[in-house]
Amino acid sequence: MEPETAFERIAQLIGCKWSVRILVSLSSGVTRPSQILKQEDGLSARVMHRCLNRMEKDGLLQKTVLPEVPPHTEYELTDQGHEFVKLLTTVRDMATQWKGTQRPVKL
């Protein structure tokens, strides 16, 4: 991916409230989609799955489908995903010191 295209994609991810929250949820380890839905009030299953699929294609997440009955899926951050969460942490730290902030920042 070209650097400009990658930069635009990173900016899109940072601008997406649910992608950011999902990434932060996954930073604690392997997580099932149902756990993410329980943690994130207001997040619909449809939006969550769209975000998960997009971030998997971007190389931020790894998806594992476990061959059980019934089958279930788990997600975890890739190395690139962990680096992205570090970036989000830096942005959050900057936001907490931002003098123009009108509302609290929640990650």
Protein backbone atom coordinates (compact mmCIF):
# COMPACT_ATOMS: atom_id res chain seq x y z
CA MET A 1 0.00 0.00 0.00
CA GLU A 2 1.26 3.45 -0.88
CA PRO A 3 2.23 5.63 2.12
CA GLU A 4 -0.46 8.24 1.36
CA THR A 5 -3.14 5.57 1.08
CA ALA A 6 -1.97 3.96 4.33
CA PHE A 7 -2.00 7.34 6.06
CA GLU A 8 -5.57 7.97 4.90
CA ARG A 9 -6.64 4.52 6.13
CA ILE A 10 -5.05 5.14 9.55
CA ALA A 11 -6.86 8.49 9.76
CA GLN A 12 -10.15 6.75 8.91
CA LEU A 13 -9.60 4.18 11.64
CA ILE A 14 -8.77 6.82 14.24
CA GLY A 15 -11.92 8.70 13.21
CA CYS A 16 -14.15 5.65 13.65
CA LYS A 17 -15.38 5.50 17.23
CA TRP A 18 -16.23 1.80 17.09
CA SER A 19 -12.98 0.70 15.46
CA VAL A 20 -11.02 2.49 18.16
CA ARG A 21 -13.10 0.96 20.94
CA ILE A 22 -12.88 -2.52 19.43
CA LEU A 23 -9.10 -2.27 19.11
CA VAL A 24 -8.81 -1.16 22.73
CA SER A 25 -11.06 -4.06 23.80
CA LEU A 26 -8.83 -6.49 21.93
CA SER A 27 -5.67 -5.08 23.50
CA SER A 28 -6.37 -7.16 26.63
CA GLY A 29 -6.02 -10.43 24.69
CA VAL A 30 -7.99 -12.95 22.67
CA THR A 31 -11.65 -11.92 22.61
CA ARG A 32 -14.91 -13.30 21.25
CA PRO A 33 -17.31 -10.96 19.45
CA SER A 34 -19.95 -11.50 22.15
CA GLN A 35 -17.52 -10.13 24.75
CA ILE A 36 -16.98 -6.99 22.68
CA LEU A 37 -20.73 -6.45 22.37
CA LYS A 38 -21.14 -6.77 26.15
CA GLN A 39 -18.40 -4.20 26.78
CA GLU A 40 -19.52 -1.60 24.27
CA ASP A 41 -22.96 -0.11 24.91
CA GLY A 42 -24.63 1.03 21.71
CA LEU A 43 -22.53 -1.13 19.38
CA SER A 44 -24.67 -3.30 17.10
CA ALA A 45 -23.55 -6.74 15.94
CA ARG A 46 -23.72 -5.62 12.31
CA VAL A 47 -21.44 -2.61 12.83
CA MET A 48 -19.05 -4.64 14.97
CA HIS A 49 -18.69 -7.37 12.33
CA ARG A 50 -18.13 -4.77 9.61
CA CYS A 51 -15.37 -3.15 11.69
CA LEU A 52 -13.80 -6.50 12.57
CA ASN A 53 -13.74 -7.60 8.92
CA ARG A 54 -12.26 -4.30 7.77
CA MET A 55 -9.55 -4.33 10.45
CA GLU A 56 -8.73 -7.96 9.68
CA LYS A 57 -8.21 -7.01 6.02
CA ASP A 58 -6.02 -4.11 7.20
CA GLY A 59 -3.82 -6.58 9.07
CA LEU A 60 -4.65 -5.28 12.55
CA LEU A 61 -6.52 -8.38 13.72
CA GLN A 62 -6.22 -12.11 13.39
CA LYS A 63 -9.41 -14.16 13.27
CA THR A 64 -9.56 -17.75 14.49
CA VAL A 65 -12.61 -19.95 13.91
CA LEU A 66 -12.63 -22.78 16.42
CA PRO A 67 -14.03 -26.09 15.10
CA GLU A 68 -16.43 -26.73 17.95
CA VAL A 69 -20.14 -27.34 18.04
CA PRO A 70 -21.38 -24.70 17.74
CA PRO A 71 -18.33 -23.11 16.10
CA HIS A 72 -17.17 -19.82 17.52
CA THR A 73 -14.79 -17.08 16.50
CA GLU A 74 -12.03 -15.35 18.40
CA TYR A 75 -10.07 -12.24 17.48
CA GLU A 76 -6.70 -11.00 18.63
CA LEU A 77 -4.42 -8.13 17.68
CA THR A 78 -1.54 -8.73 15.32
CA ASP A 79 1.82 -7.06 15.93
CA GLN A 80 0.64 -4.24 13.67
CA GLY A 81 -2.56 -4.02 15.73
CA HIS A 82 -0.56 -3.66 18.94
CA GLU A 83 1.44 -0.84 17.32
CA PHE A 84 -1.82 0.84 16.34
CA VAL A 85 -3.09 0.63 19.93
CA LYS A 86 0.16 2.32 21.06
CA LEU A 87 -0.65 5.13 18.63
CA LEU A 88 -4.17 5.39 20.05
CA THR A 89 -2.76 5.57 23.57
CA THR A 90 -0.51 8.44 22.51
CA VAL A 91 -3.47 10.25 20.94
CA ARG A 92 -5.57 9.66 24.09
CA ASP A 93 -2.77 11.04 26.28
CA MET A 94 -2.54 14.10 24.06
CA ALA A 95 -6.31 14.54 24.16
CA THR A 96 -6.40 14.51 27.96
CA GLN A 97 -3.99 17.46 27.98
CA TRP A 98 -5.68 19.32 25.13
CA LYS A 99 -6.86 22.70 26.41
CA GLY A 100 -9.68 22.96 23.88
CA THR A 101 -11.34 19.67 24.80
CA GLN A 102 -15.05 20.17 25.45
CA ARG A 103 -15.88 16.63 26.54
CA PRO A 104 -14.07 13.73 28.18
CA VAL A 105 -12.24 11.23 26.00
CA LYS A 106 -13.23 7.63 26.59
CA LEU A 107 -11.33 4.70 25.13
